[in-house]
N, C-alpha and C. Protein backbone atom coordinates (compact mmCIF):
# COMPACT_ATOMS: atom_id res chain seq x y z
N MET A 1 19.26 45.66 25.34
CA MET A 1 18.89 44.25 25.33
C MET A 1 17.47 44.14 24.76
N THR A 2 17.26 43.22 23.83
CA THR A 2 15.94 43.06 23.24
C THR A 2 15.02 42.31 24.19
N ASN A 3 13.75 42.46 23.96
CA ASN A 3 12.76 41.75 24.75
C ASN A 3 12.97 40.24 24.65
N ASN A 4 13.36 39.77 23.47
CA ASN A 4 13.60 38.34 23.27
C ASN A 4 14.71 37.84 24.19
N ASN A 5 15.82 38.57 24.29
CA ASN A 5 16.91 38.16 25.17
C ASN A 5 16.48 38.18 26.63
N PHE A 6 15.68 39.18 27.00
CA PHE A 6 15.19 39.24 28.37
C PHE A 6 14.35 38.01 28.69
N ASP A 7 13.44 37.66 27.79
CA ASP A 7 12.59 36.49 28.03
C ASP A 7 13.42 35.22 28.14
N MET A 8 14.45 35.08 27.26
CA MET A 8 15.27 33.88 27.30
C MET A 8 16.05 33.82 28.60
N SER A 9 16.64 34.93 29.05
CA SER A 9 17.41 34.89 30.29
C SER A 9 16.50 34.67 31.48
N PHE A 10 15.30 35.27 31.45
CA PHE A 10 14.34 35.03 32.52
C PHE A 10 13.98 33.55 32.59
N SER A 11 13.74 32.93 31.45
CA SER A 11 13.41 31.51 31.41
C SER A 11 14.56 30.67 31.94
N ARG A 12 15.78 31.00 31.48
CA ARG A 12 16.95 30.24 31.89
C ARG A 12 17.17 30.40 33.40
N ASP A 13 17.09 31.64 33.90
CA ASP A 13 17.28 31.88 35.33
C ASP A 13 16.23 31.14 36.15
N PHE A 14 15.00 31.19 35.67
CA PHE A 14 13.92 30.50 36.37
C PHE A 14 14.20 29.01 36.47
N LEU A 15 14.63 28.42 35.36
CA LEU A 15 14.87 26.98 35.34
C LEU A 15 16.11 26.60 36.15
N LEU A 16 17.12 27.47 36.19
CA LEU A 16 18.33 27.16 36.94
C LEU A 16 18.11 27.26 38.44
N ASP A 17 17.11 27.98 38.85
CA ASP A 17 16.86 28.21 40.27
C ASP A 17 15.64 27.43 40.75
N LEU A 18 15.50 26.19 40.28
CA LEU A 18 14.31 25.40 40.61
C LEU A 18 14.09 25.17 42.10
N PRO A 19 15.13 24.87 42.90
CA PRO A 19 14.86 24.65 44.34
C PRO A 19 14.18 25.84 45.00
N GLU A 20 14.67 27.06 44.70
CA GLU A 20 14.05 28.25 45.27
C GLU A 20 12.63 28.43 44.72
N GLN A 21 12.45 28.15 43.45
CA GLN A 21 11.13 28.28 42.84
C GLN A 21 10.15 27.29 43.47
N LEU A 22 10.63 26.10 43.80
CA LEU A 22 9.75 25.11 44.45
C LEU A 22 9.27 25.63 45.80
N MET A 23 10.15 26.31 46.55
CA MET A 23 9.75 26.86 47.84
C MET A 23 8.70 27.95 47.63
N TYR A 24 8.89 28.77 46.60
CA TYR A 24 7.98 29.88 46.35
C TYR A 24 6.62 29.39 45.85
N TYR A 25 6.63 28.46 44.92
CA TYR A 25 5.38 28.01 44.31
C TYR A 25 4.73 26.83 45.06
N ASN A 26 5.48 26.14 45.91
CA ASN A 26 5.00 25.06 46.76
C ASN A 26 4.64 23.76 46.04
N ARG A 27 4.47 23.78 44.75
CA ARG A 27 4.10 22.56 44.02
C ARG A 27 4.89 22.47 42.74
N ILE A 28 5.34 21.27 42.41
CA ILE A 28 6.11 21.07 41.17
C ILE A 28 5.26 21.40 39.95
N ASP A 29 3.93 21.13 40.01
CA ASP A 29 3.04 21.45 38.88
C ASP A 29 3.06 22.94 38.58
N ASP A 30 3.07 23.77 39.64
CA ASP A 30 3.11 25.21 39.45
C ASP A 30 4.43 25.65 38.82
N VAL A 31 5.53 25.01 39.23
CA VAL A 31 6.84 25.33 38.67
C VAL A 31 6.88 24.96 37.20
N ILE A 32 6.37 23.78 36.88
CA ILE A 32 6.35 23.34 35.48
C ILE A 32 5.50 24.28 34.64
N THR A 33 4.33 24.66 35.15
CA THR A 33 3.46 25.58 34.43
C THR A 33 4.16 26.91 34.20
N LYS A 34 4.83 27.44 35.22
CA LYS A 34 5.54 28.71 35.10
C LYS A 34 6.69 28.58 34.09
N ALA A 35 7.43 27.48 34.15
CA ALA A 35 8.55 27.27 33.22
C ALA A 35 8.05 27.19 31.79
N LYS A 36 6.96 26.44 31.57
CA LYS A 36 6.38 26.36 30.23
C LYS A 36 5.94 27.72 29.75
N SER A 37 5.34 28.49 30.64
CA SER A 37 4.89 29.83 30.29
C SER A 37 6.05 30.70 29.83
N CYS A 38 7.17 30.63 30.55
CA CYS A 38 8.35 31.41 30.18
C CYS A 38 8.88 30.99 28.82
N LEU A 39 8.98 29.69 28.61
CA LEU A 39 9.51 29.19 27.35
C LEU A 39 8.56 29.48 26.19
N LEU A 40 7.25 29.35 26.43
CA LEU A 40 6.28 29.62 25.37
C LEU A 40 6.26 31.10 25.02
N ARG A 41 6.42 31.96 26.02
CA ARG A 41 6.46 33.40 25.75
C ARG A 41 7.64 33.72 24.83
N ASP A 42 8.79 33.09 25.07
CA ASP A 42 9.95 33.29 24.22
C ASP A 42 9.66 32.77 22.81
N GLN A 43 9.04 31.60 22.72
CA GLN A 43 8.72 31.02 21.42
C GLN A 43 7.70 31.89 20.68
N GLU A 44 6.70 32.42 21.40
CA GLU A 44 5.71 33.29 20.77
C GLU A 44 6.36 34.54 20.20
N PHE A 45 7.35 35.08 20.91
CA PHE A 45 8.05 36.25 20.41
C PHE A 45 8.74 35.92 19.09
N LYS A 46 9.39 34.77 19.05
CA LYS A 46 10.08 34.35 17.82
C LYS A 46 9.08 34.08 16.70
N MET A 47 7.90 33.57 17.03
CA MET A 47 6.92 33.19 16.02
C MET A 47 6.16 34.38 15.44
N ARG A 48 6.18 35.53 16.10
CA ARG A 48 5.42 36.68 15.60
C ARG A 48 5.81 37.04 14.18
N ASN A 49 7.06 36.84 13.84
CA ASN A 49 7.53 37.14 12.50
C ASN A 49 7.53 35.90 11.61
N GLY A 50 6.92 34.82 12.06
CA GLY A 50 6.87 33.58 11.31
C GLY A 50 5.81 33.60 10.23
N SER A 51 5.70 32.51 9.51
CA SER A 51 4.69 32.41 8.46
C SER A 51 3.67 31.34 8.84
N TYR A 52 2.57 31.35 8.12
CA TYR A 52 1.48 30.43 8.40
C TYR A 52 1.50 29.26 7.42
N VAL A 53 1.04 28.11 7.89
CA VAL A 53 0.87 26.93 7.05
C VAL A 53 -0.59 26.54 7.16
N GLN A 54 -1.24 26.34 6.03
CA GLN A 54 -2.63 25.88 6.03
C GLN A 54 -2.69 24.51 5.38
N ALA A 55 -3.49 23.63 5.95
CA ALA A 55 -3.66 22.29 5.38
C ALA A 55 -5.08 21.81 5.64
N ARG A 56 -5.63 21.10 4.70
CA ARG A 56 -6.95 20.49 4.89
C ARG A 56 -6.72 19.12 5.53
N ILE A 57 -7.38 18.91 6.66
CA ILE A 57 -7.18 17.68 7.42
C ILE A 57 -8.54 17.14 7.83
N ASP A 58 -8.71 15.84 7.72
CA ASP A 58 -9.94 15.18 8.16
C ASP A 58 -10.16 15.56 9.63
N PRO A 59 -11.36 16.06 9.97
CA PRO A 59 -11.62 16.49 11.36
C PRO A 59 -11.38 15.39 12.40
N ARG A 60 -11.66 14.15 12.05
CA ARG A 60 -11.43 13.05 13.02
C ARG A 60 -9.95 12.88 13.31
N ILE A 61 -9.14 12.96 12.26
CA ILE A 61 -7.69 12.83 12.44
C ILE A 61 -7.17 13.99 13.29
N LYS A 62 -7.65 15.19 12.98
CA LYS A 62 -7.21 16.38 13.72
C LYS A 62 -7.56 16.25 15.21
N GLU A 63 -8.78 15.84 15.52
CA GLU A 63 -9.20 15.74 16.92
C GLU A 63 -8.45 14.62 17.66
N GLU A 64 -8.24 13.50 16.99
CA GLU A 64 -7.49 12.40 17.62
C GLU A 64 -6.06 12.85 17.91
N ALA A 65 -5.45 13.53 16.93
CA ALA A 65 -4.09 14.03 17.14
C ALA A 65 -4.07 15.08 18.25
N ARG A 66 -5.06 15.98 18.26
CA ARG A 66 -5.12 17.02 19.28
C ARG A 66 -5.21 16.39 20.68
N HIS A 67 -5.99 15.33 20.81
CA HIS A 67 -6.13 14.65 22.11
C HIS A 67 -4.77 14.12 22.57
N ILE A 68 -4.05 13.49 21.68
CA ILE A 68 -2.73 12.94 22.02
C ILE A 68 -1.76 14.06 22.36
N LEU A 69 -1.78 15.12 21.54
CA LEU A 69 -0.88 16.26 21.80
C LEU A 69 -1.20 16.93 23.13
N ASP A 70 -2.49 17.01 23.47
CA ASP A 70 -2.87 17.57 24.78
C ASP A 70 -2.27 16.74 25.91
N GLU A 71 -2.30 15.42 25.75
CA GLU A 71 -1.71 14.55 26.78
C GLU A 71 -0.20 14.76 26.87
N LEU A 72 0.43 15.07 25.74
CA LEU A 72 1.87 15.34 25.72
C LEU A 72 2.20 16.74 26.19
N GLY A 73 1.19 17.60 26.24
CA GLY A 73 1.41 18.97 26.70
C GLY A 73 1.97 19.90 25.64
N ILE A 74 1.73 19.57 24.36
CA ILE A 74 2.20 20.46 23.29
C ILE A 74 1.04 20.80 22.36
N SER A 75 1.16 21.94 21.73
CA SER A 75 0.10 22.39 20.83
C SER A 75 0.27 21.78 19.44
N MET A 76 -0.76 21.92 18.63
CA MET A 76 -0.71 21.45 17.26
C MET A 76 0.41 22.19 16.51
N SER A 77 0.52 23.49 16.72
CA SER A 77 1.57 24.29 16.06
C SER A 77 2.96 23.81 16.47
N GLU A 78 3.15 23.53 17.75
CA GLU A 78 4.45 23.05 18.22
C GLU A 78 4.78 21.69 17.58
N ALA A 79 3.78 20.82 17.46
CA ALA A 79 4.00 19.51 16.85
C ALA A 79 4.39 19.66 15.38
N ILE A 80 3.75 20.59 14.69
CA ILE A 80 4.08 20.81 13.28
C ILE A 80 5.49 21.36 13.15
N VAL A 81 5.89 22.27 14.04
CA VAL A 81 7.25 22.81 14.02
C VAL A 81 8.25 21.68 14.26
N VAL A 82 7.98 20.79 15.20
CA VAL A 82 8.87 19.65 15.46
C VAL A 82 8.99 18.79 14.21
N TYR A 83 7.86 18.51 13.56
CA TYR A 83 7.86 17.71 12.35
C TYR A 83 8.70 18.37 11.26
N LEU A 84 8.52 19.66 11.04
CA LEU A 84 9.27 20.37 10.00
C LEU A 84 10.76 20.39 10.32
N LYS A 85 11.11 20.55 11.61
CA LYS A 85 12.53 20.52 11.99
C LYS A 85 13.13 19.14 11.75
N GLN A 86 12.34 18.08 11.97
CA GLN A 86 12.82 16.73 11.70
C GLN A 86 13.04 16.51 10.20
N ILE A 87 12.17 17.09 9.37
CA ILE A 87 12.37 17.01 7.92
C ILE A 87 13.71 17.64 7.55
N ILE A 88 14.00 18.80 8.14
CA ILE A 88 15.27 19.47 7.87
C ILE A 88 16.43 18.61 8.36
N LEU A 89 16.34 18.11 9.58
CA LEU A 89 17.41 17.29 10.16
C LEU A 89 17.69 16.04 9.33
N HIS A 90 16.64 15.36 8.88
CA HIS A 90 16.78 14.11 8.12
C HIS A 90 16.94 14.35 6.62
N ARG A 91 16.76 15.62 6.22
CA ARG A 91 16.79 15.97 4.80
C ARG A 91 15.78 15.13 4.02
N GLY A 92 14.63 14.96 4.61
CA GLY A 92 13.54 14.20 4.01
C GLY A 92 12.50 13.90 5.07
N ILE A 93 11.51 13.12 4.71
CA ILE A 93 10.47 12.71 5.66
C ILE A 93 11.15 11.90 6.78
N PRO A 94 10.86 12.19 8.05
CA PRO A 94 11.60 11.56 9.16
C PRO A 94 11.16 10.13 9.48
N PHE A 95 10.47 9.50 8.57
CA PHE A 95 10.13 8.09 8.74
C PHE A 95 10.02 7.49 7.35
N GLU A 96 10.08 6.18 7.28
CA GLU A 96 10.10 5.50 5.99
C GLU A 96 8.71 5.45 5.37
N LEU A 97 8.64 5.82 4.11
CA LEU A 97 7.39 5.73 3.36
C LEU A 97 7.58 4.65 2.30
N LYS A 98 6.76 3.61 2.38
CA LYS A 98 6.88 2.51 1.42
C LYS A 98 5.50 2.04 1.02
N LEU A 99 5.42 1.53 -0.18
CA LEU A 99 4.22 0.83 -0.61
C LEU A 99 4.37 -0.62 -0.19
N PRO A 100 3.29 -1.27 0.24
CA PRO A 100 3.41 -2.68 0.64
C PRO A 100 3.72 -3.55 -0.57
N ASN A 101 4.49 -4.63 -0.31
CA ASN A 101 4.76 -5.56 -1.40
C ASN A 101 3.49 -6.37 -1.69
N LYS A 102 3.53 -7.19 -2.72
CA LYS A 102 2.34 -7.92 -3.19
C LYS A 102 1.76 -8.83 -2.09
N ALA A 103 2.62 -9.54 -1.37
CA ALA A 103 2.15 -10.47 -0.33
C ALA A 103 1.50 -9.69 0.82
N THR A 104 2.11 -8.60 1.22
CA THR A 104 1.55 -7.79 2.31
C THR A 104 0.22 -7.17 1.89
N LEU A 105 0.16 -6.66 0.67
CA LEU A 105 -1.08 -6.08 0.15
C LEU A 105 -2.20 -7.12 0.12
N GLN A 106 -1.88 -8.32 -0.32
CA GLN A 106 -2.88 -9.40 -0.36
C GLN A 106 -3.36 -9.75 1.05
N ALA A 107 -2.45 -9.82 2.00
CA ALA A 107 -2.82 -10.13 3.39
C ALA A 107 -3.71 -9.02 3.96
N MET A 108 -3.39 -7.77 3.66
CA MET A 108 -4.20 -6.65 4.14
C MET A 108 -5.61 -6.71 3.55
N GLN A 109 -5.71 -7.02 2.27
CA GLN A 109 -7.01 -7.12 1.62
C GLN A 109 -7.83 -8.26 2.21
N GLN A 110 -7.18 -9.40 2.50
CA GLN A 110 -7.88 -10.53 3.11
C GLN A 110 -8.42 -10.15 4.49
N LEU A 111 -7.61 -9.46 5.28
CA LEU A 111 -8.05 -9.06 6.62
C LEU A 111 -9.22 -8.08 6.54
N GLU A 112 -9.16 -7.15 5.60
CA GLU A 112 -10.25 -6.19 5.43
C GLU A 112 -11.54 -6.87 5.01
N ALA A 113 -11.42 -7.98 4.28
CA ALA A 113 -12.60 -8.73 3.82
C ALA A 113 -12.99 -9.82 4.82
N ASP A 114 -12.39 -9.80 6.01
CA ASP A 114 -12.63 -10.81 7.06
C ASP A 114 -12.34 -12.22 6.58
N LYS A 115 -11.37 -12.36 5.69
CA LYS A 115 -10.98 -13.68 5.18
C LYS A 115 -9.58 -14.07 5.62
N GLY A 116 -8.92 -13.20 6.34
CA GLY A 116 -7.55 -13.46 6.75
C GLY A 116 -7.49 -14.38 7.96
N VAL A 117 -6.32 -14.92 8.19
CA VAL A 117 -6.09 -15.79 9.34
C VAL A 117 -5.76 -14.92 10.54
N THR A 118 -6.44 -15.17 11.66
CA THR A 118 -6.16 -14.44 12.89
C THR A 118 -5.81 -15.43 13.99
N PHE A 119 -5.16 -14.93 15.02
CA PHE A 119 -4.73 -15.77 16.13
C PHE A 119 -5.11 -15.10 17.43
N ASP A 120 -5.40 -15.92 18.44
CA ASP A 120 -5.77 -15.41 19.75
C ASP A 120 -4.56 -15.08 20.61
N SER A 121 -3.41 -15.61 20.23
CA SER A 121 -2.21 -15.34 21.02
C SER A 121 -0.98 -15.43 20.12
N VAL A 122 0.11 -14.94 20.62
CA VAL A 122 1.38 -15.00 19.90
C VAL A 122 1.82 -16.46 19.77
N ASP A 123 1.56 -17.25 20.82
CA ASP A 123 1.93 -18.67 20.78
C ASP A 123 1.24 -19.38 19.62
N GLU A 124 -0.05 -19.10 19.42
CA GLU A 124 -0.78 -19.71 18.30
C GLU A 124 -0.17 -19.29 16.97
N LEU A 125 0.22 -18.05 16.86
CA LEU A 125 0.85 -17.56 15.64
C LEU A 125 2.13 -18.33 15.36
N PHE A 126 2.99 -18.49 16.37
CA PHE A 126 4.25 -19.19 16.16
C PHE A 126 4.03 -20.68 15.87
N GLU A 127 3.03 -21.27 16.48
CA GLU A 127 2.69 -22.67 16.17
C GLU A 127 2.33 -22.80 14.70
N ASP A 128 1.53 -21.88 14.20
CA ASP A 128 1.11 -21.92 12.80
C ASP A 128 2.32 -21.70 11.89
N LEU A 129 3.22 -20.81 12.26
CA LEU A 129 4.41 -20.56 11.44
C LEU A 129 5.33 -21.77 11.38
N GLU A 130 5.39 -22.54 12.46
CA GLU A 130 6.25 -23.72 12.51
C GLU A 130 5.69 -24.87 11.69
N ASN A 131 4.40 -24.90 11.47
CA ASN A 131 3.78 -26.00 10.72
C ASN A 131 3.72 -25.72 9.24
């Protein structure tokens, strides 16, 4: 049996036996941490033979994304793997990429120049649309 299979079965057994694990670890946070550790160890084994991707990214964008990913409990590498898997699944970019039409572009430019129309509430917006 390969080390990879051992790690996967250990992870699966650990997750299937959660009630007993809760008694042993006493806290659900500890169980979640242990489960993540088991799954990440399996993923790290698979990734050892993987390849690297390098990209130049604005540091502000990277840090803002890292903050959000930290809140989600996933690493930057895991997020990139998810994105690449979605590209494969969708056979393209997993969201729509479009250029704005002329009216939308004009409205965006007006707002950027502080010349656009703004509303304090949704009700005001609908009143304006009705008139």
